[in-house]
Protein backbone atom coordinates (compact mmCIF):
# COMPACT_ATOMS: atom_id res chain seq x y z
CA MET A 1 34.16 110.30 78.48
CA TYR A 2 33.52 110.54 74.86
CA HIS A 3 31.34 113.68 75.12
CA ARG A 4 33.92 115.41 77.20
CA LEU A 5 36.75 114.70 74.29
CA LEU A 6 34.24 116.12 71.59
CA ALA A 7 33.84 119.40 74.04
CA ASP A 8 37.48 119.70 74.68
CA ARG A 9 37.99 119.19 70.70
CA GLU A 10 35.98 122.29 70.28
CA ARG A 11 37.92 124.41 72.53
CA PRO A 12 40.98 125.04 69.88
CA ARG A 13 38.46 126.88 67.56
CA SER A 14 38.15 129.59 69.72
CA LEU A 15 41.97 130.31 69.66
CA PRO A 16 43.75 132.37 67.01
CA GLU A 17 44.55 130.52 63.52
CA ARG A 18 48.25 130.42 64.63
CA TYR A 19 47.51 128.31 67.67
CA ARG A 20 45.37 126.08 66.11
CA ASP A 21 47.91 125.28 63.65
CA ARG A 22 50.21 124.51 66.19
CA ILE A 23 47.38 121.95 67.45
CA ARG A 24 47.06 120.38 64.05
CA GLN A 25 50.66 119.95 63.92
CA GLN A 26 50.67 117.64 66.81
CA SER A 27 50.43 114.32 64.81
CA ASP A 28 49.97 112.24 68.32
CA LEU A 29 47.00 114.25 69.18
CA MET A 30 45.49 114.08 65.70
CA GLU A 31 45.79 110.31 65.58
CA LEU A 32 44.35 109.93 69.13
CA LEU A 33 41.29 111.64 68.31
CA ARG A 34 40.85 110.11 64.91
CA ARG A 35 41.24 106.54 66.84
CA ALA A 36 38.75 107.72 69.38
CA HIS A 37 36.03 108.80 66.65
CA GLN A 38 36.32 105.45 65.05
CA VAL A 39 36.05 103.41 68.37
CA HIS A 40 32.88 105.48 69.35
CA ALA A 41 31.49 105.19 65.86
CA ALA A 42 32.09 101.40 66.06
CA ARG A 43 30.57 100.99 69.26
CA SER A 44 27.53 102.91 68.35
CA VAL A 45 26.53 100.79 65.80
CA ALA A 46 27.12 97.29 67.75
């Protein structure tokens, strides 16, 4: 599931800048991505 999240995260990079800005402005989405990275990193170490 985490690998799918990473793949989906790459999609906006192919969009024009104005759309990428809109995605970055969605703080809930950005927070969810940040938390997913933290959980994955913590589980990878354990």
